[in-house]
Amino acid sequence: MRDVRTSETPGQTTINAVVVLPRSRTETIIWGSQRTMAPRTRPGRGWPAAEPERPLTLHDSWWIVSAAGLLTTSILAAALWISAHVRVDPALHTAGLFLHLAALVLGFGGVLMADYLMALWLAGRSTLADAVTAMSRLHAPIWVGLTGLVVSGCFLEPNLGSGLTRTKMVLILLLTLNGLQATVLSKLLSQQVSVTPSTRLLWWGAASGTISQLCWWGAIVIGFWNAQH
């Protein structure tokens, strides 16, 4: 289609021509629109999955907790074997003692903070959701501290023939197993943050906290006694 327009001004004539070429079809362009592409899949493999698979964690099954308990028991036994066969010079003993104290501050400090947060909820000064959320963030430093205690203890030349030292090892083992089962308790509490937890969970939590405190304080007292004698 052609459109010719003529305009005249005094002393000047202007011809404007507009040419429109024919098009096979009409296209509509919408600026800012988003195109949604279907994910490419591989037949028979279900790839990619609609939701990524979440790896199993400790609180997903008692079988996983039991397997973790066997693993930690084996690690503790290996640490005792190493402590009985490694030769420690004064410099290594000093470094091990420093790491032992630092791990104690980190692990036991995290435990005290967790118990304090739970006490705030019991006193009505905090919500259960806030307490459980804050306590879940303390799991990492507690486990790092406990691991540091076991590793650094290999270089402190413990007297494995002493009854107190053996009692301390038993307390550490109970402390570790108690921490593993506490992960299941933490998950169950997080599922009941909007309601009052059941009596069974409350007694479970009280027993878990009591065992934790007894084991930590018992190991600290025995360690202090051995250091003085």
C-alpha atoms as a PDB file:
ATOM      1  CA  MET A   1       0.000   0.000   0.000  1.00  0.00           C
ATOM      2  CA  ARG A   2       1.284   3.435  -0.902  1.00  0.00           C
ATOM      3  CA  ASP A   3       0.149   6.750   0.509  1.00  0.00           C
ATOM      4  CA  VAL A   4       1.302  10.004  -1.086  1.00  0.00           C
ATOM      5  CA  ARG A   5       0.645  13.282   0.642  1.00  0.00           C
ATOM      6  CA  THR A   6       1.466  16.766  -0.655  1.00  0.00           C
ATOM      7  CA  SER A   7       1.782  19.853   1.463  1.00  0.00           C
ATOM      8  CA  GLU A   8       2.291  23.351   0.127  1.00  0.00           C
ATOM      9  CA  THR A   9       3.797  26.298   1.847  1.00  0.00           C
ATOM     10  CA  PRO A  10       4.452  29.715   0.307  1.00  0.00           C
ATOM     11  CA  GLY A  11       7.370  29.260  -2.076  1.00  0.00           C
ATOM     12  CA  GLN A  12       7.878  25.539  -1.238  1.00  0.00           C
ATOM     13  CA  THR A  13       6.129  22.283  -2.130  1.00  0.00           C
ATOM     14  CA  THR A  14       6.814  19.128  -0.028  1.00  0.00           C
ATOM     15  CA  ILE A  15       5.812  15.603  -1.061  1.00  0.00           C
ATOM     16  CA  ASN A  16       5.636  12.982   1.727  1.00  0.00           C
ATOM     17  CA  ALA A  17       5.384   9.343   0.668  1.00  0.00           C
ATOM     18  CA  VAL A  18       4.633   6.482   3.071  1.00  0.00           C
ATOM     19  CA  VAL A  19       5.116   2.978   1.693  1.00  0.00           C
ATOM     20  CA  VAL A  20       3.711  -0.011   3.600  1.00  0.00           C
ATOM     21  CA  LEU A  21       4.929  -3.366   2.347  1.00  0.00           C
ATOM     22  CA  PRO A  22       2.579  -6.320   2.589  1.00  0.00           C
ATOM     23  CA  ARG A  23       3.275  -8.883   5.306  1.00  0.00           C
ATOM     24  CA  SER A  24       2.396 -12.518   5.278  1.00  0.00           C
ATOM     25  CA  ARG A  25       1.005 -12.457   8.796  1.00  0.00           C
ATOM     26  CA  THR A  26       0.392 -10.175  11.696  1.00  0.00           C
ATOM     27  CA  GLU A  27       2.779 -10.455  14.600  1.00  0.00           C
ATOM     28  CA  THR A  28       2.033  -9.176  18.072  1.00  0.00           C
ATOM     29  CA  ILE A  29       4.937  -8.252  20.265  1.00  0.00           C
ATOM     30  CA  ILE A  30       4.386  -7.857  24.000  1.00  0.00           C
ATOM     31  CA  TRP A  31       7.268  -6.188  25.714  1.00  0.00           C
ATOM     32  CA  GLY A  32       8.232  -7.523  29.137  1.00  0.00           C
ATOM     33  CA  SER A  33       6.571 -10.911  28.740  1.00  0.00           C
ATOM     34  CA  GLN A  34       8.345 -13.992  30.087  1.00  0.00           C
ATOM     35  CA  ARG A  35       8.606 -17.274  28.298  1.00  0.00           C
ATOM     36  CA  THR A  36       8.225 -20.417  30.328  1.00  0.00           C
ATOM     37  CA  MET A  37      10.159 -23.364  29.009  1.00  0.00           C
ATOM     38  CA  ALA A  38       9.374 -26.864  30.125  1.00  0.00           C
ATOM     39  CA  PRO A  39      12.355 -28.633  31.705  1.00  0.00           C
ATOM     40  CA  ARG A  40      14.138 -31.081  29.502  1.00  0.00           C
ATOM     41  CA  THR A  41      13.753 -34.598  30.710  1.00  0.00           C
ATOM     42  CA  ARG A  42      15.478 -37.816  29.960  1.00  0.00           C
ATOM     43  CA  PRO A  43      13.074 -40.653  29.328  1.00  0.00           C
ATOM     44  CA  GLY A  44      13.042 -43.322  31.980  1.00  0.00           C
ATOM     45  CA  ARG A  45      15.251 -41.448  34.445  1.00  0.00           C
ATOM     46  CA  GLY A  46      12.974 -38.767  35.819  1.00  0.00           C
ATOM     47  CA  TRP A  47      15.621 -36.061  35.403  1.00  0.00           C
ATOM     48  CA  PRO A  48      15.600 -33.414  36.600  1.00  0.00           C
ATOM     49  CA  ALA A  49      13.371 -34.164  39.579  1.00  0.00           C
ATOM     50  CA  ALA A  50      10.557 -31.770  40.429  1.00  0.00           C
ATOM     51  CA  GLU A  51      12.113 -31.329  43.891  1.00  0.00           C
ATOM     52  CA  PRO A  52      15.694 -32.222  44.799  1.00  0.00           C
ATOM     53  CA  GLU A  53      16.043 -35.167  47.093  1.00  0.00           C
ATOM     54  CA  ARG A  54      16.919 -34.127  50.648  1.00  0.00           C
ATOM     55  CA  PRO A  55      19.751 -36.185  52.142  1.00  0.00           C
ATOM     56  CA  LEU A  56      18.913 -38.239  55.190  1.00  0.00           C
ATOM     57  CA  THR A  57      19.872 -36.731  58.516  1.00  0.00           C
ATOM     58  CA  LEU A  58      20.204 -38.057  62.053  1.00  0.00           C
ATOM     59  CA  HIS A  59      16.675 -37.193  63.112  1.00  0.00           C
ATOM     60  CA  ASP A  60      15.044 -39.030  60.194  1.00  0.00           C
ATOM     61  CA  SER A  61      15.311 -42.533  61.634  1.00  0.00           C
ATOM     62  CA  TRP A  62      16.338 -44.355  64.787  1.00  0.00           C
ATOM     63  CA  TRP A  63      18.341 -46.681  62.565  1.00  0.00           C
ATOM     64  CA  ILE A  64      20.495 -43.741  61.488  1.00  0.00           C
ATOM     65  CA  VAL A  65      20.901 -42.692  65.112  1.00  0.00           C
ATOM     66  CA  SER A  66      21.972 -46.225  66.032  1.00  0.00           C
ATOM     67  CA  ALA A  67      24.473 -46.358  63.181  1.00  0.00           C
ATOM     68  CA  ALA A  68      25.874 -42.987  64.248  1.00  0.00           C
ATOM     69  CA  GLY A  69      26.146 -44.299  67.811  1.00  0.00           C
ATOM     70  CA  LEU A  70      28.187 -47.298  66.673  1.00  0.00           C
ATOM     71  CA  LEU A  71      30.411 -45.026  64.601  1.00  0.00           C
ATOM     72  CA  THR A  72      31.081 -42.621  67.457  1.00  0.00           C
ATOM     73  CA  THR A  73      31.788 -45.524  69.812  1.00  0.00           C
ATOM     74  CA  SER A  74      34.361 -46.841  67.357  1.00  0.00           C
ATOM     75  CA  ILE A  75      35.929 -43.387  67.037  1.00  0.00           C
ATOM     76  CA  LEU A  76      36.188 -43.057  70.822  1.00  0.00           C
ATOM     77  CA  ALA A  77      37.789 -46.512  71.059  1.00  0.00           C
ATOM     78  CA  ALA A  78      40.281 -45.525  68.353  1.00  0.00           C
ATOM     79  CA  ALA A  79      41.095 -42.317  70.247  1.00  0.00           C
ATOM     80  CA  LEU A  80      41.830 -44.345  73.397  1.00  0.00           C
ATOM     81  CA  TRP A  81      44.101 -46.678  71.432  1.00  0.00           C
ATOM     82  CA  ILE A  82      45.972 -43.712  69.957  1.00  0.00           C
ATOM     83  CA  SER A  83      46.398 -42.073  73.364  1.00  0.00           C
ATOM     84  CA  ALA A  84      47.975 -45.291  74.688  1.00  0.00           C
ATOM     85  CA  HIS A  85      50.470 -45.630  71.815  1.00  0.00           C
ATOM     86  CA  VAL A  86      51.402 -42.086  70.797  1.00  0.00           C
ATOM     87  CA  ARG A  87      54.520 -40.448  72.167  1.00  0.00           C
ATOM     88  CA  VAL A  88      53.881 -36.897  73.326  1.00  0.00           C
ATOM     89  CA  ASP A  89      56.630 -34.327  73.855  1.00  0.00           C
ATOM     90  CA  PRO A  90      56.103 -31.292  76.128  1.00  0.00           C
ATOM     91  CA  ALA A  91      55.265 -28.960  73.234  1.00  0.00           C
ATOM     92  CA  LEU A  92      52.613 -31.310  71.836  1.00  0.00           C
ATOM     93  CA  HIS A  93      51.190 -31.835  75.316  1.00  0.00           C
ATOM     94  CA  THR A  94      50.886 -28.076  75.820  1.00  0.00           C
ATOM     95  CA  ALA A  95      49.186 -27.635  72.436  1.00  0.00           C
ATOM     96  CA  GLY A  96      46.799 -30.484  73.219  1.00  0.00           C
ATOM     97  CA  LEU A  97      45.947 -28.954  76.578  1.00  0.00           C
ATOM     98  CA  PHE A  98      45.172 -25.594  74.971  1.00  0.00           C
ATOM     99  CA  LEU A  99      42.918 -27.182  72.350  1.00  0.00           C
ATOM    100  CA  HIS A 100      41.270 -29.266  75.079  1.00  0.00           C
ATOM    101  CA  LEU A 101      40.348 -26.172  77.076  1.00  0.00           C
ATOM    102  CA  ALA A 102      39.178 -24.291  73.968  1.00  0.00           C
ATOM    103  CA  ALA A 103      36.968 -27.243  72.942  1.00  0.00           C
ATOM    104  CA  LEU A 104      35.573 -27.393  76.474  1.00  0.00           C
ATOM    105  CA  VAL A 105      34.586 -23.725  76.357  1.00  0.00           C
ATOM    106  CA  LEU A 106      32.967 -24.154  72.933  1.00  0.00           C
ATOM    107  CA  GLY A 107      31.072 -27.384  73.615  1.00  0.00           C
ATOM    108  CA  PHE A 108      30.033 -26.882  77.211  1.00  0.00           C
ATOM    109  CA  GLY A 109      29.232 -23.225  76.561  1.00  0.00           C
ATOM    110  CA  GLY A 110      26.842 -24.288  73.799  1.00  0.00           C
ATOM    111  CA  VAL A 111      25.168 -26.783  76.123  1.00  0.00           C
ATOM    112  CA  LEU A 112      24.684 -24.169  78.831  1.00  0.00           C
ATOM    113  CA  MET A 113      23.184 -21.745  76.305  1.00  0.00           C
ATOM    114  CA  ALA A 114      20.779 -24.418  75.031  1.00  0.00           C
ATOM    115  CA  ASP A 115      19.606 -25.213  78.558  1.00  0.00           C
ATOM    116  CA  TYR A 116      19.253 -21.503  79.294  1.00  0.00           C
ATOM    117  CA  LEU A 117      17.035 -21.017  76.231  1.00  0.00           C
ATOM    118  CA  MET A 118      14.827 -23.902  77.319  1.00  0.00           C
ATOM    119  CA  ALA A 119      14.621 -22.448  80.827  1.00  0.00           C
ATOM    120  CA  LEU A 120      13.453 -19.129  79.341  1.00  0.00           C
ATOM    121  CA  TRP A 121      10.614 -20.935  77.563  1.00  0.00           C
ATOM    122  CA  LEU A 122       9.618 -22.808  80.722  1.00  0.00           C
ATOM    123  CA  ALA A 123       9.565 -19.482  82.586  1.00  0.00           C
ATOM    124  CA  GLY A 124       7.250 -17.986  79.974  1.00  0.00           C
ATOM    125  CA  ARG A 125       9.800 -15.440  78.764  1.00  0.00           C
ATOM    126  CA  SER A 126      10.183 -16.947  75.305  1.00  0.00           C
ATOM    127  CA  THR A 127       8.147 -18.878  72.781  1.00  0.00           C
ATOM    128  CA  LEU A 128       8.874 -22.500  72.033  1.00  0.00           C
ATOM    129  CA  ALA A 129       9.524 -21.645  68.385  1.00  0.00           C
ATOM    130  CA  ASP A 130      12.210 -19.113  69.325  1.00  0.00           C
ATOM    131  CA  ALA A 131      13.816 -21.515  71.798  1.00  0.00           C
ATOM    132  CA  VAL A 132      13.901 -24.451  69.369  1.00  0.00           C
ATOM    133  CA  THR A 133      15.220 -22.293  66.514  1.00  0.00           C
ATOM    134  CA  ALA A 134      18.017 -20.863  68.643  1.00  0.00           C
ATOM    135  CA  MET A 135      18.899 -24.277  70.080  1.00  0.00           C
ATOM    136  CA  SER A 136      19.174 -25.797  66.609  1.00  0.00           C
ATOM    137  CA  ARG A 137      21.885 -23.259  65.794  1.00  0.00           C
ATOM    138  CA  LEU A 138      23.904 -24.428  68.794  1.00  0.00           C
ATOM    139  CA  HIS A 139      24.205 -28.023  67.605  1.00  0.00           C
ATOM    140  CA  ALA A 140      27.235 -27.302  65.417  1.00  0.00           C
ATOM    141  CA  PRO A 141      29.433 -25.653  68.088  1.00  0.00           C
ATOM    142  CA  ILE A 142      28.475 -28.315  70.639  1.00  0.00           C
ATOM    143  CA  TRP A 143      29.521 -31.150  68.325  1.00  0.00           C
ATOM    144  CA  VAL A 144      32.685 -29.327  67.271  1.00  0.00           C
ATOM    145  CA  GLY A 145      33.590 -28.835  70.928  1.00  0.00           C
ATOM    146  CA  LEU A 146      32.929 -32.473  71.794  1.00  0.00           C
ATOM    147  CA  THR A 147      35.005 -33.640  68.835  1.00  0.00           C
ATOM    148  CA  GLY A 148      37.813 -31.313  69.861  1.00  0.00           C
ATOM    149  CA  LEU A 149      37.778 -32.764  73.373  1.00  0.00           C
ATOM    150  CA  VAL A 150      38.192 -36.308  72.071  1.00  0.00           C
ATOM    151  CA  VAL A 151      40.918 -35.430  69.549  1.00  0.00           C
ATOM    152  CA  SER A 152      42.947 -33.234  71.904  1.00  0.00           C
ATOM    153  CA  GLY A 153      42.569 -35.801  74.701  1.00  0.00           C
ATOM    154  CA  CYS A 154      44.706 -38.212  72.667  1.00  0.00           C
ATOM    155  CA  PHE A 155      47.737 -36.023  73.389  1.00  0.00           C
ATOM    156  CA  LEU A 156      47.187 -35.500  77.124  1.00  0.00           C
ATOM    157  CA  GLU A 157      48.562 -38.912  78.134  1.00  0.00           C
ATOM    158  CA  PRO A 158      45.507 -40.122  80.083  1.00  0.00           C
ATOM    159  CA  ASN A 159      46.059 -42.832  82.660  1.00  0.00           C
ATOM    160  CA  LEU A 160      43.797 -45.547  81.274  1.00  0.00           C
ATOM    161  CA  GLY A 161      44.517 -47.756  84.272  1.00  0.00           C
ATOM    162  CA  SER A 162      42.790 -45.293  86.585  1.00  0.00           C
ATOM    163  CA  GLY A 163      39.200 -45.933  87.546  1.00  0.00           C
ATOM    164  CA  LEU A 164      38.392 -42.212  87.375  1.00  0.00           C
ATOM    165  CA  THR A 165      39.760 -41.959  83.838  1.00  0.00           C
ATOM    166  CA  ARG A 166      37.662 -44.906  82.749  1.00  0.00           C
ATOM    167  CA  THR A 167      34.629 -43.320  84.367  1.00  0.00           C
ATOM    168  CA  LYS A 168      35.334 -40.143  82.416  1.00  0.00           C
ATOM    169  CA  MET A 169      35.456 -42.124  79.156  1.00  0.00           C
ATOM    170  CA  VAL A 170      32.101 -43.696  79.983  1.00  0.00           C
ATOM    171  CA  LEU A 171      30.642 -40.248  80.690  1.00  0.00           C
ATOM    172  CA  ILE A 172      31.910 -38.960  77.342  1.00  0.00           C
ATOM    173  CA  LEU A 173      30.376 -41.949  75.566  1.00  0.00           C
ATOM    174  CA  LEU A 174      27.025 -41.386  77.316  1.00  0.00           C
ATOM    175  CA  LEU A 175      27.254 -37.703  76.482  1.00  0.00           C
ATOM    176  CA  THR A 176      27.758 -38.480  72.799  1.00  0.00           C
ATOM    177  CA  LEU A 177      24.915 -40.993  72.630  1.00  0.00           C
ATOM    178  CA  ASN A 178      22.639 -38.599  74.492  1.00  0.00           C
ATOM    179  CA  GLY A 179      23.449 -35.878  71.977  1.00  0.00           C
ATOM    180  CA  LEU A 180      22.585 -38.178  69.071  1.00  0.00           C
ATOM    181  CA  GLN A 181      19.152 -39.060  70.422  1.00  0.00           C
ATOM    182  CA  ALA A 182      18.561 -35.392  71.239  1.00  0.00           C
ATOM    183  CA  THR A 183      18.483 -34.662  67.497  1.00  0.00           C
ATOM    184  CA  VAL A 184      15.276 -36.689  67.238  1.00  0.00           C
ATOM    185  CA  LEU A 185      13.832 -34.835  70.210  1.00  0.00           C
ATOM    186  CA  SER A 186      14.696 -31.502  68.598  1.00  0.00           C
ATOM    187  CA  LYS A 187      12.838 -32.474  65.422  1.00  0.00           C
ATOM    188  CA  LEU A 188       9.731 -33.553  67.346  1.00  0.00           C
ATOM    189  CA  LEU A 189       9.720 -30.301  69.323  1.00  0.00           C
ATOM    190  CA  SER A 190      10.029 -28.255  66.137  1.00  0.00           C
ATOM    191  CA  GLN A 191       6.870 -29.965  64.858  1.00  0.00           C
ATOM    192  CA  GLN A 192       4.886 -28.853  67.931  1.00  0.00           C
ATOM    193  CA  VAL A 193       5.978 -25.229  68.232  1.00  0.00           C
ATOM    194  CA  SER A 194       2.428 -24.004  67.599  1.00  0.00           C
ATOM    195  CA  VAL A 195       0.880 -26.149  70.347  1.00  0.00           C
ATOM    196  CA  THR A 196       1.791 -27.240  73.831  1.00  0.00           C
ATOM    197  CA  PRO A 197       4.225 -30.204  73.608  1.00  0.00           C
ATOM    198  CA  SER A 198       3.017 -33.514  74.952  1.00  0.00           C
ATOM    199  CA  THR A 199       3.950 -34.629  78.446  1.00  0.00           C
ATOM    200  CA  ARG A 200       6.095 -37.392  76.996  1.00  0.00           C
ATOM    201  CA  LEU A 201       8.223 -34.887  75.074  1.00  0.00           C
ATOM    202  CA  LEU A 202       8.580 -32.664  78.134  1.00  0.00           C
ATOM    203  CA  TRP A 203       9.816 -35.554  80.276  1.00  0.00           C
ATOM    204  CA  TRP A 204      12.057 -36.685  77.442  1.00  0.00           C
ATOM    205  CA  GLY A 205      13.583 -33.223  77.210  1.00  0.00           C
ATOM    206  CA  ALA A 206      14.059 -32.992  80.978  1.00  0.00           C
ATOM    207  CA  ALA A 207      15.808 -36.378  81.083  1.00  0.00           C
ATOM    208  CA  SER A 208      18.016 -35.501  78.119  1.00  0.00           C
ATOM    209  CA  GLY A 209      19.075 -32.188  79.680  1.00  0.00           C
ATOM    210  CA  THR A 210      19.765 -33.813  83.052  1.00  0.00           C
ATOM    211  CA  ILE A 211      21.942 -36.530  81.522  1.00  0.00           C
ATOM    212  CA  SER A 212      23.826 -33.905  79.529  1.00  0.00           C
ATOM    213  CA  GLN A 213      24.569 -31.773  82.587  1.00  0.00           C
ATOM    214  CA  LEU A 214      25.624 -34.748  84.725  1.00  0.00           C
ATOM    215  CA  CYS A 215      27.970 -36.071  82.045  1.00  0.00           C
ATOM    216  CA  TRP A 216      29.555 -32.692  81.320  1.00  0.00           C
ATOM    217  CA  TRP A 217      30.076 -31.754  84.950  1.00  0.00           C
ATOM    218  CA  GLY A 218      31.265 -35.239  85.848  1.00  0.00           C
ATOM    219  CA  ALA A 219      33.865 -35.249  83.062  1.00  0.00           C
ATOM    220  CA  ILE A 220      35.021 -31.737  84.037  1.00  0.00           C
ATOM    221  CA  VAL A 221      35.432 -32.649  87.723  1.00  0.00           C
ATOM    222  CA  ILE A 222      37.334 -35.851  86.909  1.00  0.00           C
ATOM    223  CA  GLY A 223      39.570 -34.037  84.439  1.00  0.00           C
ATOM    224  CA  PHE A 224      40.355 -31.361  87.025  1.00  0.00           C
ATOM    225  CA  TRP A 225      41.101 -34.001  89.686  1.00  0.00           C
ATOM    226  CA  ASN A 226      43.432 -35.919  87.354  1.00  0.00           C
ATOM    227  CA  ALA A 227      45.255 -32.711  86.439  1.00  0.00           C
ATOM    228  CA  GLN A 228      45.891 -31.975  90.124  1.00  0.00           C
ATOM    229  CA  HIS A 229      47.019 -35.494  90.960  1.00  0.00           C
END
